All heavy atoms as atom14 arrays in JSON, in Angstrom:
{
  "sequence": "EEFDFFRAQELGKGFPEKDEFLSNDLSQFHQVSTQF",
  "atom14_mask": [
    [1, 1, 1, 1, 1, 1, 1, 1, 1, 0, 0, 0, 0, 0],
    [1, 1, 1, 1, 1, 1, 1, 1, 1, 0, 0, 0, 0, 0],
    [1, 1, 1, 1, 1, 1, 1, 1, 1, 1, 1, 0, 0, 0],
    [1, 1, 1, 1, 1, 1, 1, 1, 0, 0, 0, 0, 0, 0],
    [1, 1, 1, 1, 1, 1, 1, 1, 1, 1, 1, 0, 0, 0],
    [1, 1, 1, 1, 1, 1, 1, 1, 1, 1, 1, 0, 0, 0],
    [1, 1, 1, 1, 1, 1, 1, 1, 1, 1, 1, 0, 0, 0],
    [1, 1, 1, 1, 1, 0, 0, 0, 0, 0, 0, 0, 0, 0],
    [1, 1, 1, 1, 1, 1, 1, 1, 1, 0, 0, 0, 0, 0],
    [1, 1, 1, 1, 1, 1, 1, 1, 1, 0, 0, 0, 0, 0],
    [1, 1, 1, 1, 1, 1, 1, 1, 0, 0, 0, 0, 0, 0],
    [1, 1, 1, 1, 0, 0, 0, 0, 0, 0, 0, 0, 0, 0],
    [1, 1, 1, 1, 1, 1, 1, 1, 1, 0, 0, 0, 0, 0],
    [1, 1, 1, 1, 0, 0, 0, 0, 0, 0, 0, 0, 0, 0],
    [1, 1, 1, 1, 1, 1, 1, 1, 1, 1, 1, 0, 0, 0],
    [1, 1, 1, 1, 1, 1, 1, 0, 0, 0, 0, 0, 0, 0],
    [1, 1, 1, 1, 1, 1, 1, 1, 1, 0, 0, 0, 0, 0],
    [1, 1, 1, 1, 1, 1, 1, 1, 1, 0, 0, 0, 0, 0],
    [1, 1, 1, 1, 1, 1, 1, 1, 0, 0, 0, 0, 0, 0],
    [1, 1, 1, 1, 1, 1, 1, 1, 1, 0, 0, 0, 0, 0],
    [1, 1, 1, 1, 1, 1, 1, 1, 1, 1, 1, 0, 0, 0],
    [1, 1, 1, 1, 1, 1, 1, 1, 0, 0, 0, 0, 0, 0],
    [1, 1, 1, 1, 1, 1, 0, 0, 0, 0, 0, 0, 0, 0],
    [1, 1, 1, 1, 1, 1, 1, 1, 0, 0, 0, 0, 0, 0],
    [1, 1, 1, 1, 1, 1, 1, 1, 0, 0, 0, 0, 0, 0],
    [1, 1, 1, 1, 1, 1, 1, 1, 0, 0, 0, 0, 0, 0],
    [1, 1, 1, 1, 1, 1, 0, 0, 0, 0, 0, 0, 0, 0],
    [1, 1, 1, 1, 1, 1, 1, 1, 1, 0, 0, 0, 0, 0],
    [1, 1, 1, 1, 1, 1, 1, 1, 1, 1, 1, 0, 0, 0],
    [1, 1, 1, 1, 1, 1, 1, 1, 1, 1, 0, 0, 0, 0],
    [1, 1, 1, 1, 1, 1, 1, 1, 1, 0, 0, 0, 0, 0],
    [1, 1, 1, 1, 1, 1, 1, 0, 0, 0, 0, 0, 0, 0],
    [1, 1, 1, 1, 1, 1, 0, 0, 0, 0, 0, 0, 0, 0],
    [1, 1, 1, 1, 1, 1, 1, 0, 0, 0, 0, 0, 0, 0],
    [1, 1, 1, 1, 1, 1, 1, 1, 1, 0, 0, 0, 0, 0],
    [1, 1, 1, 1, 1, 1, 1, 1, 1, 1, 1, 0, 0, 0]
  ],
  "atom14_positions": [
    [[-0.07, -14.59, -10.18], [0.91, -13.79, -9.43], [0.3, -12.45, -9.06], [-0.37, -11.81, -9.87], [2.17, -13.57, -10.27], [2.9, -14.87, -10.64], [4.1, -14.61, -11.53], [4.15, -13.51, -12.14], [4.99, -15.47, -11.61], [0.0, 0.0, 0.0], [0.0, 0.0, 0.0], [0.0, 0.0, 0.0], [0.0, 0.0, 0.0], [0.0, 0.0, 0.0]],
    [[0.52, -12.05, -7.82], [0.03, -10.77, -7.33], [1.18, -9.77, -7.22], [2.34, -10.17, -7.01], [-0.63, -10.93, -5.95], [-1.82, -11.88, -5.94], [-2.4, -12.05, -4.54], [-2.04, -11.21, -3.66], [-3.18, -13.0, -4.32], [0.0, 0.0, 0.0], [0.0, 0.0, 0.0], [0.0, 0.0, 0.0], [0.0, 0.0, 0.0], [0.0, 0.0, 0.0]],
    [[0.87, -8.51, -7.39], [1.88, -7.48, -7.21], [1.22, -6.25, -6.58], [-0.01, -6.06, -6.66], [2.55, -7.11, -8.55], [1.6, -6.59, -9.59], [1.38, -5.22, -9.73], [0.94, -7.45, -10.46], [0.52, -4.74, -10.7], [0.08, -6.97, -11.43], [-0.13, -5.61, -11.55], [0.0, 0.0, 0.0], [0.0, 0.0, 0.0], [0.0, 0.0, 0.0]],
    [[2.04, -5.44, -5.89], [1.55, -4.27, -5.16], [2.37, -3.04, -5.54], [3.45, -3.15, -6.13], [1.64, -4.49, -3.65], [0.7, -5.6, -3.17], [-0.51, -5.47, -3.42], [1.18, -6.58, -2.57], [0.0, 0.0, 0.0], [0.0, 0.0, 0.0], [0.0, 0.0, 0.0], [0.0, 0.0, 0.0], [0.0, 0.0, 0.0], [0.0, 0.0, 0.0]],
    [[1.84, -1.89, -5.16], [2.53, -0.61, -5.34], [2.75, 0.03, -3.97], [1.88, -0.06, -3.08], [1.72, 0.33, -6.23], [1.63, -0.13, -7.65], [0.49, -0.76, -8.12], [2.69, 0.08, -8.53], [0.4, -1.18, -9.43], [2.61, -0.34, -9.84], [1.46, -0.97, -10.3], [0.0, 0.0, 0.0], [0.0, 0.0, 0.0], [0.0, 0.0, 0.0]],
    [[3.91, 0.68, -3.84], [4.22, 1.38, -2.59], [3.35, 2.62, -2.46], [3.07, 3.32, -3.45], [5.7, 1.76, -2.58], [6.06, 2.7, -1.47], [6.15, 2.25, -0.16], [6.27, 4.05, -1.73], [6.48, 3.13, 0.86], [6.59, 4.92, -0.72], [6.7, 4.46, 0.59], [0.0, 0.0, 0.0], [0.0, 0.0, 0.0], [0.0, 0.0, 0.0]],
    [[2.96, 2.9, -1.2], [2.17, 4.11, -0.94], [2.52, 4.63, 0.45], [2.58, 3.85, 1.41], [0.68, 3.82, -1.01], [-0.19, 5.06, -0.79], [-1.65, 4.74, -0.89], [-2.47, 5.92, -0.67], [-3.81, 5.92, -0.62], [-4.46, 4.78, -0.77], [-4.48, 7.04, -0.41], [0.0, 0.0, 0.0], [0.0, 0.0, 0.0], [0.0, 0.0, 0.0]],
    [[2.77, 5.92, 0.52], [3.03, 6.6, 1.8], [1.77, 7.34, 2.22], [1.22, 8.12, 1.43], [4.21, 7.57, 1.67], [0.0, 0.0, 0.0], [0.0, 0.0, 0.0], [0.0, 0.0, 0.0], [0.0, 0.0, 0.0], [0.0, 0.0, 0.0], [0.0, 0.0, 0.0], [0.0, 0.0, 0.0], [0.0, 0.0, 0.0], [0.0, 0.0, 0.0]],
    [[1.32, 7.09, 3.44], [0.09, 7.72, 3.92], [0.33, 8.36, 5.29], [1.22, 7.94, 6.03], [-1.03, 6.68, 4.04], [-1.3, 5.9, 2.77], [-2.38, 4.86, 2.97], [-3.53, 5.18, 3.29], [-1.99, 3.59, 2.82], [0.0, 0.0, 0.0], [0.0, 0.0, 0.0], [0.0, 0.0, 0.0], [0.0, 0.0, 0.0], [0.0, 0.0, 0.0]],
    [[-0.47, 9.36, 5.6], [-0.39, 10.0, 6.91], [-0.87, 9.05, 7.99], [-1.81, 8.29, 7.79], [-1.23, 11.27, 6.92], [-0.71, 12.35, 5.98], [-1.57, 13.61, 6.07], [-2.53, 13.6, 6.87], [-1.26, 14.58, 5.36], [0.0, 0.0, 0.0], [0.0, 0.0, 0.0], [0.0, 0.0, 0.0], [0.0, 0.0, 0.0], [0.0, 0.0, 0.0]],
    [[-0.22, 9.14, 9.16], [-0.59, 8.28, 10.27], [-1.8, 8.8, 11.03], [-2.51, 8.04, 11.67], [0.59, 8.13, 11.23], [1.77, 7.3, 10.69], [2.94, 7.38, 11.64], [1.33, 5.85, 10.51], [0.0, 0.0, 0.0], [0.0, 0.0, 0.0], [0.0, 0.0, 0.0], [0.0, 0.0, 0.0], [0.0, 0.0, 0.0], [0.0, 0.0, 0.0]],
    [[-2.03, 10.11, 10.99], [-3.19, 10.67, 11.67], [-2.86, 11.15, 13.08], [-1.69, 11.3, 13.46], [0.0, 0.0, 0.0], [0.0, 0.0, 0.0], [0.0, 0.0, 0.0], [0.0, 0.0, 0.0], [0.0, 0.0, 0.0], [0.0, 0.0, 0.0], [0.0, 0.0, 0.0], [0.0, 0.0, 0.0], [0.0, 0.0, 0.0], [0.0, 0.0, 0.0]],
    [[-3.87, 11.41, 13.84], [-3.69, 11.95, 15.19], [-2.96, 10.97, 16.08], [-3.16, 9.76, 15.98], [-5.05, 12.29, 15.81], [-5.79, 13.41, 15.08], [-7.11, 13.72, 15.78], [-7.85, 14.85, 15.08], [-9.13, 15.17, 15.75], [0.0, 0.0, 0.0], [0.0, 0.0, 0.0], [0.0, 0.0, 0.0], [0.0, 0.0, 0.0], [0.0, 0.0, 0.0]],
    [[-2.11, 11.56, 16.98], [-1.36, 10.75, 17.92], [0.01, 10.35, 17.43], [0.75, 9.68, 18.14], [0.0, 0.0, 0.0], [0.0, 0.0, 0.0], [0.0, 0.0, 0.0], [0.0, 0.0, 0.0], [0.0, 0.0, 0.0], [0.0, 0.0, 0.0], [0.0, 0.0, 0.0], [0.0, 0.0, 0.0], [0.0, 0.0, 0.0], [0.0, 0.0, 0.0]],
    [[0.37, 10.75, 16.21], [1.68, 10.44, 15.65], [2.35, 11.73, 15.21], [1.69, 12.7, 14.85], [1.57, 9.49, 14.45], [1.04, 8.12, 14.81], [-0.32, 7.85, 14.75], [1.91, 7.11, 15.22], [-0.8, 6.6, 15.08], [1.43, 5.86, 15.54], [0.07, 5.6, 15.48], [0.0, 0.0, 0.0], [0.0, 0.0, 0.0], [0.0, 0.0, 0.0]],
    [[3.68, 11.78, 15.24], [4.38, 12.98, 14.76], [4.03, 13.26, 13.29], [3.82, 12.33, 12.5], [5.86, 12.63, 14.92], [5.88, 11.55, 15.96], [4.62, 10.79, 15.78], [0.0, 0.0, 0.0], [0.0, 0.0, 0.0], [0.0, 0.0, 0.0], [0.0, 0.0, 0.0], [0.0, 0.0, 0.0], [0.0, 0.0, 0.0], [0.0, 0.0, 0.0]],
    [[3.98, 14.57, 12.94], [3.6, 14.94, 11.58], [4.6, 14.46, 10.54], [4.24, 14.2, 9.39], [3.45, 16.46, 11.48], [2.29, 17.0, 12.3], [2.15, 18.51, 12.12], [3.0, 19.08, 11.39], [1.21, 19.09, 12.68], [0.0, 0.0, 0.0], [0.0, 0.0, 0.0], [0.0, 0.0, 0.0], [0.0, 0.0, 0.0], [0.0, 0.0, 0.0]],
    [[5.9, 14.38, 10.94], [6.9, 13.99, 9.95], [6.9, 12.48, 9.68], [7.49, 12.02, 8.71], [8.3, 14.4, 10.42], [8.77, 13.74, 11.72], [10.16, 14.17, 12.07], [10.66, 13.53, 13.37], [9.82, 13.92, 14.52], [0.0, 0.0, 0.0], [0.0, 0.0, 0.0], [0.0, 0.0, 0.0], [0.0, 0.0, 0.0], [0.0, 0.0, 0.0]],
    [[6.23, 11.69, 10.54], [6.18, 10.25, 10.33], [5.05, 9.89, 9.35], [4.0, 10.56, 9.31], [5.96, 9.51, 11.65], [7.17, 9.63, 12.57], [8.26, 9.93, 12.05], [7.01, 9.4, 13.78], [0.0, 0.0, 0.0], [0.0, 0.0, 0.0], [0.0, 0.0, 0.0], [0.0, 0.0, 0.0], [0.0, 0.0, 0.0], [0.0, 0.0, 0.0]],
    [[5.25, 8.82, 8.57], [4.27, 8.36, 7.6], [4.09, 6.84, 7.7], [4.97, 6.12, 8.16], [4.7, 8.71, 6.17], [4.74, 10.21, 5.88], [5.17, 10.5, 4.47], [6.12, 9.83, 3.98], [4.55, 11.36, 3.82], [0.0, 0.0, 0.0], [0.0, 0.0, 0.0], [0.0, 0.0, 0.0], [0.0, 0.0, 0.0], [0.0, 0.0, 0.0]],
    [[2.94, 6.41, 7.23], [2.65, 4.98, 7.15], [3.14, 4.48, 5.79], [2.62, 4.85, 4.74], [1.15, 4.73, 7.31], [0.75, 3.29, 7.2], [1.03, 2.4, 8.22], [0.11, 2.82, 6.06], [0.66, 1.07, 8.13], [-0.25, 1.5, 5.95], [0.01, 0.61, 6.99], [0.0, 0.0, 0.0], [0.0, 0.0, 0.0], [0.0, 0.0, 0.0]],
    [[4.18, 3.67, 5.81], [4.82, 3.2, 4.57], [4.44, 1.73, 4.34], [4.82, 0.85, 5.11], [6.34, 3.35, 4.66], [6.86, 4.73, 5.06], [8.37, 4.73, 5.15], [6.36, 5.79, 4.07], [0.0, 0.0, 0.0], [0.0, 0.0, 0.0], [0.0, 0.0, 0.0], [0.0, 0.0, 0.0], [0.0, 0.0, 0.0], [0.0, 0.0, 0.0]],
    [[3.69, 1.48, 3.27], [3.26, 0.11, 2.97], [2.66, 0.07, 1.57], [2.8, 1.05, 0.8], [2.25, -0.39, 4.01], [1.89, -1.73, 3.75], [0.0, 0.0, 0.0], [0.0, 0.0, 0.0], [0.0, 0.0, 0.0], [0.0, 0.0, 0.0], [0.0, 0.0, 0.0], [0.0, 0.0, 0.0], [0.0, 0.0, 0.0], [0.0, 0.0, 0.0]],
    [[2.01, -1.02, 1.26], [1.29, -1.08, -0.02], [-0.1, -0.51, 0.15], [-0.57, -0.28, 1.28], [1.21, -2.54, -0.51], [0.42, -3.41, 0.44], [0.62, -3.37, 1.65], [-0.5, -4.2, -0.1], [0.0, 0.0, 0.0], [0.0, 0.0, 0.0], [0.0, 0.0, 0.0], [0.0, 0.0, 0.0], [0.0, 0.0, 0.0], [0.0, 0.0, 0.0]],
    [[-0.77, -0.32, -0.97], [-2.11, 0.25, -0.95], [-3.11, -0.88, -0.71], [-3.36, -1.71, -1.58], [-2.41, 0.95, -2.28], [-3.69, 1.77, -2.21], [-4.46, 1.6, -1.25], [-3.92, 2.58, -3.13], [0.0, 0.0, 0.0], [0.0, 0.0, 0.0], [0.0, 0.0, 0.0], [0.0, 0.0, 0.0], [0.0, 0.0, 0.0], [0.0, 0.0, 0.0]],
    [[-3.68, -0.93, 0.5], [-4.6, -2.0, 0.84], [-5.95, -1.87, 0.16], [-6.77, -2.8, 0.21], [-4.8, -2.03, 2.36], [-3.52, -2.29, 3.19], [-3.85, -2.26, 4.67], [-2.91, -3.64, 2.79], [0.0, 0.0, 0.0], [0.0, 0.0, 0.0], [0.0, 0.0, 0.0], [0.0, 0.0, 0.0], [0.0, 0.0, 0.0], [0.0, 0.0, 0.0]],
    [[-6.21, -0.74, -0.49], [-7.49, -0.54, -1.17], [-7.47, -1.04, -2.61], [-8.47, -0.93, -3.32], [-7.88, 0.94, -1.15], [-6.95, 1.71, -1.93], [0.0, 0.0, 0.0], [0.0, 0.0, 0.0], [0.0, 0.0, 0.0], [0.0, 0.0, 0.0], [0.0, 0.0, 0.0], [0.0, 0.0, 0.0], [0.0, 0.0, 0.0], [0.0, 0.0, 0.0]],
    [[-6.32, -1.58, -3.05], [-6.21, -2.04, -4.42], [-5.67, -3.48, -4.45], [-5.0, -3.93, -3.52], [-5.27, -1.14, -5.23], [-5.77, 0.29, -5.36], [-4.81, 1.15, -6.19], [-3.8, 0.66, -6.67], [-5.15, 2.42, -6.34], [0.0, 0.0, 0.0], [0.0, 0.0, 0.0], [0.0, 0.0, 0.0], [0.0, 0.0, 0.0], [0.0, 0.0, 0.0]],
    [[-6.02, -4.2, -5.53], [-5.56, -5.57, -5.74], [-5.1, -5.71, -7.18], [-5.81, -5.33, -8.11], [-6.68, -6.57, -5.44], [-6.29, -8.01, -5.65], [-5.57, -8.69, -4.69], [-6.62, -8.67, -6.83], [-5.2, -10.01, -4.87], [-6.26, -9.98, -7.03], [-5.55, -10.66, -6.05], [0.0, 0.0, 0.0], [0.0, 0.0, 0.0], [0.0, 0.0, 0.0]],
    [[-3.89, -6.25, -7.36], [-3.31, -6.39, -8.7], [-2.85, -7.83, -8.89], [-2.23, -8.41, -8.0], [-2.12, -5.43, -8.88], [-2.43, -4.03, -8.45], [-3.11, -3.13, -9.23], [-2.17, -3.38, -7.27], [-3.24, -1.98, -8.59], [-2.67, -2.11, -7.39], [0.0, 0.0, 0.0], [0.0, 0.0, 0.0], [0.0, 0.0, 0.0], [0.0, 0.0, 0.0]],
    [[-3.14, -8.37, -10.08], [-2.81, -9.78, -10.32], [-2.61, -10.02, -11.82], [-3.28, -9.41, -12.66], [-3.95, -10.68, -9.81], [-3.68, -12.17, -9.91], [-4.89, -12.98, -9.5], [-5.93, -12.94, -10.15], [-4.75, -13.71, -8.39], [0.0, 0.0, 0.0], [0.0, 0.0, 0.0], [0.0, 0.0, 0.0], [0.0, 0.0, 0.0], [0.0, 0.0, 0.0]],
    [[-1.68, -10.92, -12.11], [-1.48, -11.43, -13.47], [-1.71, -12.93, -13.43], [-1.06, -13.64, -12.66], [-0.06, -11.12, -13.99], [0.14, -11.76, -15.37], [0.17, -9.62, -14.07], [0.0, 0.0, 0.0], [0.0, 0.0, 0.0], [0.0, 0.0, 0.0], [0.0, 0.0, 0.0], [0.0, 0.0, 0.0], [0.0, 0.0, 0.0], [0.0, 0.0, 0.0]],
    [[-2.68, -13.42, -14.22], [-2.98, -14.85, -14.26], [-2.88, -15.35, -15.69], [-3.19, -14.64, -16.64], [-4.37, -15.13, -13.69], [-5.36, -14.45, -14.42], [0.0, 0.0, 0.0], [0.0, 0.0, 0.0], [0.0, 0.0, 0.0], [0.0, 0.0, 0.0], [0.0, 0.0, 0.0], [0.0, 0.0, 0.0], [0.0, 0.0, 0.0], [0.0, 0.0, 0.0]],
    [[-2.43, -16.59, -15.81], [-2.25, -17.21, -17.12], [-2.92, -18.57, -17.12], [-2.77, -19.33, -16.15], [-0.76, -17.38, -17.45], [-0.11, -16.11, -17.35], [-0.58, -17.92, -18.87], [0.0, 0.0, 0.0], [0.0, 0.0, 0.0], [0.0, 0.0, 0.0], [0.0, 0.0, 0.0], [0.0, 0.0, 0.0], [0.0, 0.0, 0.0], [0.0, 0.0, 0.0]],
    [[-3.67, -18.87, -18.18], [-4.33, -20.16, -18.34], [-3.78, -20.86, -19.58], [-3.58, -20.23, -20.62], [-5.86, -20.01, -18.46], [-6.56, -19.54, -17.2], [-6.37, -18.06, -16.95], [-6.42, -17.26, -17.89], [-6.17, -17.68, -15.7], [0.0, 0.0, 0.0], [0.0, 0.0, 0.0], [0.0, 0.0, 0.0], [0.0, 0.0, 0.0], [0.0, 0.0, 0.0]],
    [[-3.55, -22.18, -19.46], [-3.09, -22.99, -20.58], [-4.17, -24.02, -20.9], [-4.65, -24.73, -20.01], [-1.77, -23.7, -20.23], [-0.61, -22.74, -20.05], [-0.3, -22.26, -18.79], [0.14, -22.33, -21.13], [0.75, -21.38, -18.61], [1.2, -21.46, -20.96], [1.5, -20.97, -19.7], [0.0, 0.0, 0.0], [0.0, 0.0, 0.0], [0.0, 0.0, 0.0]]
  ]
}
């Protein structure tokens, strides 16, 4: 099973300053695995 964390990031040039990029953190990977 994979899981993510929410992260708000700046959009950068060409976007209003008050707007943000709202999504998960694409630079990280999280997983829980179980073996029987």
